[in-house]
């Protein structure tokens, strides 16, 4: 497996993996990914099996301490010197799940955030995944009041350095 950050050339593959991982109401569009890649490609960690994208994690950096829905749609809110690394998507193709790939990518993103002297990372997840992220060091802060993305409740979780 190869792990690297993204470039615009990865746009189609990223959009395909996202579509395989999330319902349409929750998935980012190809246009949104294009804007994200233009703004913060170095905050996309990809895992490839040969030249085939199998998983990725991404998210902007901000001084805001809480993840809010507007961030998903506005790449211009990214602030490279920000205090918090947001995690928007943890995506693994179904046939590659339960093999540790997402955790490996998250650890890479956590390492990058630590090296860049961030305060920590913030993500949202559905109830069944709270324990998964807790095992990686994230603390559950309860149901988010600022993120109702896709019309579902999300737990906000935070890892503080």
N, C-alpha and C. Protein backbone atom coordinates (compact mmCIF):
# COMPACT_ATOMS: atom_id res chain seq x y z
N UNK A 1 0.84 -1.19 0.00
CA UNK A 1 0.00 0.00 0.00
C UNK A 1 0.88 1.24 0.00
N UNK A 2 0.42 2.24 -0.71
CA UNK A 2 1.10 3.52 -0.80
C UNK A 2 0.25 4.56 -0.10
N UNK A 3 0.87 5.41 0.72
CA UNK A 3 0.18 6.52 1.37
C UNK A 3 0.86 7.80 0.91
N UNK A 4 0.03 8.75 0.47
CA UNK A 4 0.55 10.05 0.04
C UNK A 4 -0.55 11.09 0.14
N UNK A 5 -0.16 12.36 0.01
CA UNK A 5 -1.16 13.42 -0.05
C UNK A 5 -1.68 13.53 -1.49
N UNK A 6 -2.76 14.26 -1.64
CA UNK A 6 -3.48 14.32 -2.91
C UNK A 6 -3.00 15.46 -3.80
N UNK A 7 -3.38 15.35 -5.07
CA UNK A 7 -3.24 16.43 -6.04
C UNK A 7 -4.55 16.51 -6.81
N UNK A 8 -4.70 17.52 -7.63
CA UNK A 8 -5.91 17.65 -8.45
C UNK A 8 -6.09 16.46 -9.39
N UNK A 9 -4.99 15.80 -9.75
CA UNK A 9 -5.11 14.62 -10.63
C UNK A 9 -5.89 13.48 -9.95
N UNK A 10 -6.03 13.53 -8.65
CA UNK A 10 -6.75 12.49 -7.90
C UNK A 10 -8.25 12.77 -7.79
N UNK A 11 -8.70 13.87 -8.34
CA UNK A 11 -10.09 14.30 -8.17
C UNK A 11 -11.11 13.22 -8.52
N UNK A 12 -11.02 12.63 -9.70
CA UNK A 12 -12.02 11.64 -10.12
C UNK A 12 -12.04 10.44 -9.18
N UNK A 13 -10.88 9.96 -8.80
CA UNK A 13 -10.81 8.79 -7.91
C UNK A 13 -11.38 9.13 -6.54
N UNK A 14 -11.09 10.31 -6.02
CA UNK A 14 -11.62 10.72 -4.71
C UNK A 14 -13.14 10.79 -4.76
N UNK A 15 -13.68 11.39 -5.81
CA UNK A 15 -15.14 11.50 -5.94
C UNK A 15 -15.79 10.12 -6.04
N UNK A 16 -15.15 9.18 -6.71
CA UNK A 16 -15.69 7.82 -6.83
C UNK A 16 -15.69 7.10 -5.49
N UNK A 17 -14.61 7.23 -4.73
CA UNK A 17 -14.55 6.58 -3.42
C UNK A 17 -15.60 7.19 -2.50
N UNK A 18 -15.73 8.50 -2.50
CA UNK A 18 -16.73 9.18 -1.67
C UNK A 18 -18.13 8.65 -1.99
N UNK A 19 -18.46 8.53 -3.26
CA UNK A 19 -19.78 8.06 -3.68
C UNK A 19 -20.03 6.62 -3.23
N UNK A 20 -18.98 5.82 -3.13
CA UNK A 20 -19.12 4.43 -2.68
C UNK A 20 -19.26 4.33 -1.16
N UNK A 21 -18.90 5.40 -0.45
CA UNK A 21 -18.86 5.34 1.01
C UNK A 21 -20.01 6.07 1.71
N UNK A 22 -20.60 7.05 1.07
CA UNK A 22 -21.62 7.86 1.73
C UNK A 22 -22.88 7.95 0.87
N UNK A 23 -24.05 8.06 1.51
CA UNK A 23 -25.28 8.31 0.75
C UNK A 23 -25.17 9.67 0.05
N UNK A 24 -25.91 9.83 -1.02
CA UNK A 24 -25.84 11.05 -1.81
C UNK A 24 -26.12 12.30 -0.96
N UNK A 25 -26.99 12.19 0.04
CA UNK A 25 -27.32 13.35 0.88
C UNK A 25 -26.16 13.77 1.77
N UNK A 26 -25.19 12.88 1.98
CA UNK A 26 -24.05 13.17 2.85
C UNK A 26 -22.74 13.32 2.08
N UNK A 27 -22.68 12.80 0.87
CA UNK A 27 -21.43 12.79 0.10
C UNK A 27 -21.10 14.18 -0.44
N UNK A 28 -19.83 14.51 -0.41
CA UNK A 28 -19.36 15.73 -1.06
C UNK A 28 -19.42 15.53 -2.58
N UNK A 29 -19.65 16.61 -3.29
CA UNK A 29 -19.71 16.54 -4.75
C UNK A 29 -18.30 16.64 -5.33
N UNK A 30 -18.19 16.28 -6.58
CA UNK A 30 -16.90 16.40 -7.27
C UNK A 30 -16.44 17.87 -7.28
N UNK A 31 -17.37 18.79 -7.48
CA UNK A 31 -17.02 20.22 -7.48
C UNK A 31 -16.50 20.65 -6.11
N UNK A 32 -17.11 20.15 -5.03
CA UNK A 32 -16.64 20.49 -3.69
C UNK A 32 -15.23 19.93 -3.46
N UNK A 33 -15.01 18.70 -3.92
CA UNK A 33 -13.66 18.14 -3.79
C UNK A 33 -12.64 18.93 -4.59
N UNK A 34 -13.03 19.41 -5.76
CA UNK A 34 -12.11 20.21 -6.55
C UNK A 34 -11.70 21.46 -5.78
N UNK A 35 -12.67 22.12 -5.17
CA UNK A 35 -12.36 23.33 -4.39
C UNK A 35 -11.50 22.99 -3.18
N UNK A 36 -11.79 21.88 -2.52
CA UNK A 36 -10.98 21.46 -1.37
C UNK A 36 -9.55 21.18 -1.79
N UNK A 37 -9.39 20.46 -2.89
CA UNK A 37 -8.03 20.13 -3.35
C UNK A 37 -7.25 21.39 -3.72
N UNK A 38 -7.92 22.35 -4.31
CA UNK A 38 -7.24 23.61 -4.65
C UNK A 38 -6.82 24.36 -3.39
N UNK A 39 -7.60 24.25 -2.33
CA UNK A 39 -7.34 25.00 -1.10
C UNK A 39 -6.42 24.28 -0.13
N UNK A 40 -6.54 22.93 -0.05
CA UNK A 40 -5.76 22.22 0.97
C UNK A 40 -5.48 20.77 0.62
N UNK A 41 -4.90 20.55 -0.54
CA UNK A 41 -4.56 19.18 -0.98
C UNK A 41 -3.62 18.48 0.00
N UNK A 42 -2.78 19.24 0.69
CA UNK A 42 -1.85 18.65 1.65
C UNK A 42 -2.56 18.14 2.90
N UNK A 43 -3.86 18.33 2.99
CA UNK A 43 -4.64 17.83 4.12
C UNK A 43 -5.60 16.72 3.65
N UNK A 44 -5.24 16.10 2.55
CA UNK A 44 -5.88 14.89 2.05
C UNK A 44 -4.83 13.79 2.12
N UNK A 45 -5.10 12.73 2.84
CA UNK A 45 -4.20 11.58 2.88
C UNK A 45 -4.87 10.44 2.13
N UNK A 46 -4.18 9.93 1.12
CA UNK A 46 -4.70 8.87 0.27
C UNK A 46 -3.97 7.56 0.54
N UNK A 47 -4.70 6.45 0.42
CA UNK A 47 -4.08 5.12 0.45
C UNK A 47 -4.41 4.44 -0.87
N UNK A 48 -3.36 3.97 -1.53
CA UNK A 48 -3.52 3.31 -2.82
C UNK A 48 -3.02 1.88 -2.75
N UNK A 49 -3.74 1.01 -3.42
CA UNK A 49 -3.31 -0.36 -3.64
C UNK A 49 -2.82 -0.37 -5.09
N UNK A 50 -1.51 -0.29 -5.25
CA UNK A 50 -0.95 -0.07 -6.59
C UNK A 50 -1.30 1.33 -7.02
N UNK A 51 -2.06 1.48 -8.11
CA UNK A 51 -2.49 2.81 -8.53
C UNK A 51 -3.99 3.02 -8.30
N UNK A 52 -4.59 2.14 -7.51
CA UNK A 52 -6.03 2.17 -7.23
C UNK A 52 -6.29 2.80 -5.86
N UNK A 53 -7.02 3.94 -5.83
CA UNK A 53 -7.36 4.59 -4.57
C UNK A 53 -8.35 3.72 -3.80
N UNK A 54 -8.00 3.35 -2.57
CA UNK A 54 -8.89 2.51 -1.77
C UNK A 54 -9.43 3.22 -0.54
N UNK A 55 -8.76 4.30 -0.11
CA UNK A 55 -9.19 5.00 1.10
C UNK A 55 -8.59 6.39 1.13
N UNK A 56 -9.27 7.30 1.83
CA UNK A 56 -8.70 8.63 2.06
C UNK A 56 -9.35 9.28 3.27
N UNK A 57 -8.64 10.24 3.85
CA UNK A 57 -9.18 11.13 4.88
C UNK A 57 -8.85 12.56 4.44
N UNK A 58 -9.73 13.49 4.79
CA UNK A 58 -9.50 14.88 4.41
C UNK A 58 -10.17 15.81 5.39
N UNK A 59 -9.73 17.06 5.36
CA UNK A 59 -10.36 18.11 6.15
C UNK A 59 -9.54 19.37 6.17
N UNK A 60 -10.21 20.47 6.40
CA UNK A 60 -9.54 21.77 6.43
C UNK A 60 -8.94 22.04 7.81
N UNK A 61 -8.19 23.13 7.87
CA UNK A 61 -7.65 23.63 9.13
C UNK A 61 -8.30 24.98 9.40
N UNK A 62 -8.62 25.22 10.67
CA UNK A 62 -9.32 26.44 11.06
C UNK A 62 -8.98 26.81 12.49
N UNK A 63 -9.26 28.05 12.85
CA UNK A 63 -9.15 28.46 14.25
C UNK A 63 -10.46 28.21 14.99
N UNK A 64 -11.52 27.91 14.26
CA UNK A 64 -12.79 27.60 14.92
C UNK A 64 -12.67 26.26 15.63
N UNK A 65 -13.21 26.16 16.82
CA UNK A 65 -13.01 24.93 17.59
C UNK A 65 -14.06 23.87 17.30
N UNK A 66 -15.15 24.23 16.66
CA UNK A 66 -16.21 23.27 16.38
C UNK A 66 -16.44 23.14 14.88
N UNK A 67 -16.72 21.92 14.45
CA UNK A 67 -17.01 21.64 13.05
C UNK A 67 -18.46 22.03 12.77
N UNK A 68 -18.66 22.84 11.76
CA UNK A 68 -20.01 23.23 11.37
C UNK A 68 -20.22 22.92 9.89
N UNK A 69 -21.46 22.71 9.52
CA UNK A 69 -21.80 22.26 8.17
C UNK A 69 -21.25 23.15 7.06
N UNK A 70 -21.21 24.44 7.28
CA UNK A 70 -20.73 25.36 6.24
C UNK A 70 -19.30 25.01 5.80
N UNK A 71 -18.51 24.45 6.69
CA UNK A 71 -17.13 24.12 6.37
C UNK A 71 -17.03 23.08 5.25
N UNK A 72 -17.99 22.19 5.18
CA UNK A 72 -17.98 21.16 4.13
C UNK A 72 -18.07 21.77 2.73
N UNK A 73 -18.76 22.90 2.65
CA UNK A 73 -19.09 23.49 1.36
C UNK A 73 -18.25 24.72 1.01
N UNK A 74 -17.41 25.18 1.95
CA UNK A 74 -16.66 26.42 1.74
C UNK A 74 -15.19 26.19 2.01
N UNK A 75 -14.48 25.77 0.99
CA UNK A 75 -13.04 25.53 1.13
C UNK A 75 -12.29 26.82 1.46
N UNK A 76 -12.89 27.96 1.15
CA UNK A 76 -12.23 29.23 1.45
C UNK A 76 -12.14 29.52 2.94
N UNK A 77 -12.79 28.73 3.77
CA UNK A 77 -12.70 28.89 5.22
C UNK A 77 -11.41 28.28 5.79
N UNK A 78 -10.69 27.54 4.95
CA UNK A 78 -9.42 26.93 5.37
C UNK A 78 -8.41 28.01 5.73
N UNK A 79 -7.75 27.82 6.88
CA UNK A 79 -6.67 28.72 7.32
C UNK A 79 -5.47 27.85 7.66
N UNK A 80 -4.48 27.86 6.81
CA UNK A 80 -3.34 26.95 6.95
C UNK A 80 -2.67 27.04 8.31
N UNK A 81 -2.68 28.19 8.94
CA UNK A 81 -2.04 28.34 10.26
C UNK A 81 -3.03 28.12 11.39
N UNK A 82 -4.22 27.59 11.09
CA UNK A 82 -5.26 27.42 12.10
C UNK A 82 -4.88 26.43 13.20
N UNK A 83 -5.63 26.49 14.28
CA UNK A 83 -5.36 25.69 15.47
C UNK A 83 -5.90 24.27 15.39
N UNK A 84 -6.97 24.07 14.65
CA UNK A 84 -7.66 22.78 14.64
C UNK A 84 -7.70 22.15 13.25
N UNK A 85 -7.33 20.90 13.18
CA UNK A 85 -7.47 20.10 11.95
C UNK A 85 -8.86 19.47 11.98
N UNK A 86 -9.72 19.87 11.07
CA UNK A 86 -11.03 19.25 10.94
C UNK A 86 -10.89 17.99 10.09
N UNK A 87 -11.70 17.01 10.36
CA UNK A 87 -11.73 15.77 9.57
C UNK A 87 -13.12 15.67 8.97
N UNK A 88 -13.21 15.82 7.66
CA UNK A 88 -14.51 15.80 6.98
C UNK A 88 -14.92 14.41 6.55
N UNK A 89 -13.96 13.63 6.10
CA UNK A 89 -14.31 12.32 5.58
C UNK A 89 -13.26 11.29 5.94
N UNK A 90 -13.74 10.14 6.34
CA UNK A 90 -12.89 8.96 6.53
C UNK A 90 -13.53 7.91 5.63
N UNK A 91 -12.91 7.69 4.49
CA UNK A 91 -13.51 6.87 3.43
C UNK A 91 -12.65 5.65 3.12
N UNK A 92 -13.26 4.49 3.14
CA UNK A 92 -12.59 3.26 2.71
C UNK A 92 -13.58 2.48 1.85
N UNK A 93 -13.13 2.06 0.68
CA UNK A 93 -14.01 1.24 -0.17
C UNK A 93 -14.47 0.02 0.60
N UNK A 94 -15.73 -0.38 0.44
CA UNK A 94 -16.28 -1.49 1.23
C UNK A 94 -15.43 -2.76 1.24
N UNK A 95 -14.85 -3.12 0.11
CA UNK A 95 -14.08 -4.37 0.04
C UNK A 95 -12.74 -4.29 0.76
N UNK A 96 -12.35 -3.08 1.20
CA UNK A 96 -11.08 -2.90 1.92
C UNK A 96 -11.28 -2.56 3.40
N UNK A 97 -12.51 -2.56 3.86
CA UNK A 97 -12.80 -2.20 5.26
C UNK A 97 -12.38 -3.32 6.21
N UNK A 98 -12.24 -2.93 7.47
CA UNK A 98 -11.88 -3.84 8.57
C UNK A 98 -10.49 -4.45 8.40
N UNK A 99 -9.61 -3.68 7.74
CA UNK A 99 -8.23 -4.13 7.55
C UNK A 99 -7.23 -3.12 8.12
N UNK A 100 -7.74 -2.08 8.80
CA UNK A 100 -6.87 -1.10 9.44
C UNK A 100 -6.47 0.08 8.58
N UNK A 101 -7.00 0.16 7.36
CA UNK A 101 -6.58 1.23 6.45
C UNK A 101 -7.00 2.62 6.94
N UNK A 102 -8.24 2.76 7.39
CA UNK A 102 -8.71 4.06 7.87
C UNK A 102 -7.90 4.51 9.08
N UNK A 103 -7.64 3.59 10.00
CA UNK A 103 -6.85 3.94 11.19
C UNK A 103 -5.44 4.37 10.80
N UNK A 104 -4.85 3.71 9.82
CA UNK A 104 -3.52 4.09 9.36
C UNK A 104 -3.53 5.51 8.80
N UNK A 105 -4.53 5.83 8.00
CA UNK A 105 -4.63 7.18 7.44
C UNK A 105 -4.91 8.22 8.52
N UNK A 106 -5.78 7.89 9.46
CA UNK A 106 -6.05 8.83 10.55
C UNK A 106 -4.80 9.08 11.38
N UNK A 107 -4.02 8.05 11.62
CA UNK A 107 -2.77 8.25 12.37
C UNK A 107 -1.80 9.15 11.59
N UNK A 108 -1.80 9.04 10.27
CA UNK A 108 -0.97 9.93 9.46
C UNK A 108 -1.45 11.37 9.60
N UNK A 109 -2.76 11.59 9.54
CA UNK A 109 -3.31 12.93 9.69
C UNK A 109 -3.06 13.47 11.10
N UNK A 110 -3.21 12.62 12.11
CA UNK A 110 -2.93 13.01 13.49
C UNK A 110 -1.45 13.41 13.62
N UNK A 111 -0.57 12.61 13.04
CA UNK A 111 0.86 12.93 13.08
C UNK A 111 1.17 14.25 12.41
N UNK A 112 0.55 14.49 11.26
CA UNK A 112 0.76 15.76 10.56
C UNK A 112 0.28 16.92 11.42
N UNK A 113 -0.90 16.79 12.01
CA UNK A 113 -1.44 17.87 12.84
C UNK A 113 -0.55 18.13 14.05
N UNK A 114 -0.02 17.08 14.64
CA UNK A 114 0.89 17.23 15.78
C UNK A 114 2.17 17.95 15.34
N UNK A 115 2.74 17.53 14.21
CA UNK A 115 3.96 18.16 13.70
C UNK A 115 3.75 19.62 13.35
N UNK A 116 2.52 19.96 12.96
CA UNK A 116 2.21 21.34 12.59
C UNK A 116 1.75 22.16 13.79
N UNK A 117 1.86 21.59 14.97
CA UNK A 117 1.56 22.27 16.23
C UNK A 117 0.12 22.74 16.33
N UNK A 118 -0.80 21.92 15.83
CA UNK A 118 -2.22 22.20 16.01
C UNK A 118 -2.62 21.91 17.45
N UNK A 119 -3.77 22.39 17.86
CA UNK A 119 -4.30 22.04 19.19
C UNK A 119 -4.83 20.62 19.18
N UNK A 120 -5.26 20.15 18.01
CA UNK A 120 -5.82 18.81 17.90
C UNK A 120 -6.67 18.68 16.66
N UNK A 121 -7.53 17.65 16.67
CA UNK A 121 -8.40 17.35 15.53
C UNK A 121 -9.84 17.25 16.00
N UNK A 122 -10.76 17.56 15.08
CA UNK A 122 -12.19 17.48 15.36
C UNK A 122 -12.85 16.76 14.19
N UNK A 123 -13.77 15.85 14.51
CA UNK A 123 -14.55 15.18 13.48
C UNK A 123 -15.96 14.97 13.99
N UNK A 124 -16.85 14.63 13.08
CA UNK A 124 -18.18 14.21 13.47
C UNK A 124 -18.41 12.80 12.93
N UNK A 125 -19.20 12.04 13.67
CA UNK A 125 -19.50 10.68 13.23
C UNK A 125 -20.89 10.28 13.74
N UNK A 126 -21.41 9.24 13.13
CA UNK A 126 -22.69 8.68 13.57
C UNK A 126 -22.45 7.80 14.79
N UNK A 127 -23.52 7.58 15.53
CA UNK A 127 -23.45 6.85 16.80
C UNK A 127 -22.67 5.54 16.74
N UNK A 128 -22.85 4.69 15.72
CA UNK A 128 -22.13 3.40 15.73
C UNK A 128 -20.61 3.51 15.65
N UNK A 129 -20.08 4.68 15.25
CA UNK A 129 -18.63 4.82 15.09
C UNK A 129 -17.96 5.55 16.26
N UNK A 130 -18.72 5.96 17.26
CA UNK A 130 -18.14 6.67 18.40
C UNK A 130 -17.03 5.85 19.04
N UNK A 131 -17.26 4.57 19.27
CA UNK A 131 -16.26 3.72 19.91
C UNK A 131 -15.02 3.55 19.04
N UNK A 132 -15.19 3.50 17.74
CA UNK A 132 -14.05 3.37 16.82
C UNK A 132 -13.11 4.56 16.99
N UNK A 133 -13.67 5.78 16.93
CA UNK A 133 -12.83 6.97 17.04
C UNK A 133 -12.29 7.15 18.47
N UNK A 134 -13.06 6.74 19.46
CA UNK A 134 -12.57 6.80 20.85
C UNK A 134 -11.32 5.94 21.01
N UNK A 135 -11.26 4.81 20.32
CA UNK A 135 -10.09 3.93 20.40
C UNK A 135 -8.85 4.59 19.81
N UNK A 136 -9.04 5.60 18.97
CA UNK A 136 -7.92 6.35 18.39
C UNK A 136 -7.58 7.60 19.21
N UNK A 137 -8.29 7.81 20.32
CA UNK A 137 -7.99 8.92 21.20
C UNK A 137 -8.96 10.08 21.16
N UNK A 138 -9.99 10.00 20.33
CA UNK A 138 -10.99 11.07 20.26
C UNK A 138 -11.98 10.96 21.41
N UNK A 139 -12.38 12.10 21.96
CA UNK A 139 -13.36 12.17 23.04
C UNK A 139 -14.70 12.60 22.46
N UNK A 140 -15.77 11.92 22.84
CA UNK A 140 -17.11 12.25 22.38
C UNK A 140 -17.62 13.48 23.13
N UNK A 141 -18.01 14.50 22.40
CA UNK A 141 -18.57 15.72 23.00
C UNK A 141 -20.09 15.76 22.87
N UNK A 142 -20.69 14.66 22.43
CA UNK A 142 -22.15 14.61 22.30
C UNK A 142 -22.61 14.99 20.91
N UNK A 143 -23.92 15.05 20.76
CA UNK A 143 -24.52 15.38 19.47
C UNK A 143 -24.22 16.85 19.13
N UNK A 144 -23.73 17.07 17.93
CA UNK A 144 -23.36 18.41 17.48
C UNK A 144 -24.60 19.27 17.23
N UNK A 145 -24.55 20.48 17.72
CA UNK A 145 -25.61 21.45 17.43
C UNK A 145 -25.32 22.19 16.12
N UNK A 146 -24.08 22.10 15.64
CA UNK A 146 -23.67 22.85 14.45
C UNK A 146 -23.59 22.01 13.19
N UNK A 147 -23.76 20.69 13.31
CA UNK A 147 -23.70 19.84 12.14
C UNK A 147 -24.89 18.88 12.11
N UNK A 148 -25.74 19.12 11.14
CA UNK A 148 -26.87 18.22 10.86
C UNK A 148 -26.77 17.75 9.42
N UNK A 149 -25.54 17.70 8.93
CA UNK A 149 -25.22 17.34 7.55
C UNK A 149 -26.00 16.10 7.11
N UNK A 150 -26.66 16.20 5.96
CA UNK A 150 -27.42 15.07 5.44
C UNK A 150 -28.69 14.77 6.21
N UNK A 151 -29.05 15.66 7.17
CA UNK A 151 -30.28 15.48 7.93
C UNK A 151 -30.20 14.40 8.99
N UNK A 152 -28.99 14.08 9.46
CA UNK A 152 -28.83 13.04 10.49
C UNK A 152 -28.05 13.62 11.67
N UNK A 153 -28.22 13.02 12.87
CA UNK A 153 -27.45 13.50 14.03
C UNK A 153 -26.00 13.01 13.97
N UNK A 154 -25.09 13.88 14.36
CA UNK A 154 -23.66 13.57 14.35
C UNK A 154 -23.08 13.85 15.73
N UNK A 155 -22.25 12.96 16.21
CA UNK A 155 -21.47 13.20 17.42
C UNK A 155 -20.25 14.02 17.03
N UNK A 156 -19.94 15.07 17.77
CA UNK A 156 -18.67 15.76 17.57
C UNK A 156 -17.65 15.09 18.46
N UNK A 157 -16.50 14.78 17.89
CA UNK A 157 -15.42 14.14 18.64
C UNK A 157 -14.15 14.95 18.46
N UNK A 158 -13.35 15.00 19.53
CA UNK A 158 -12.16 15.84 19.55
C UNK A 158 -10.97 15.06 20.12
N UNK A 159 -9.83 15.22 19.47
CA UNK A 159 -8.58 14.72 19.99
C UNK A 159 -7.71 15.93 20.28
N UNK A 160 -7.35 16.13 21.54
CA UNK A 160 -6.56 17.28 21.96
C UNK A 160 -5.14 16.83 22.24
N UNK A 161 -4.18 17.58 21.74
CA UNK A 161 -2.76 17.26 22.00
C UNK A 161 -2.34 17.85 23.33
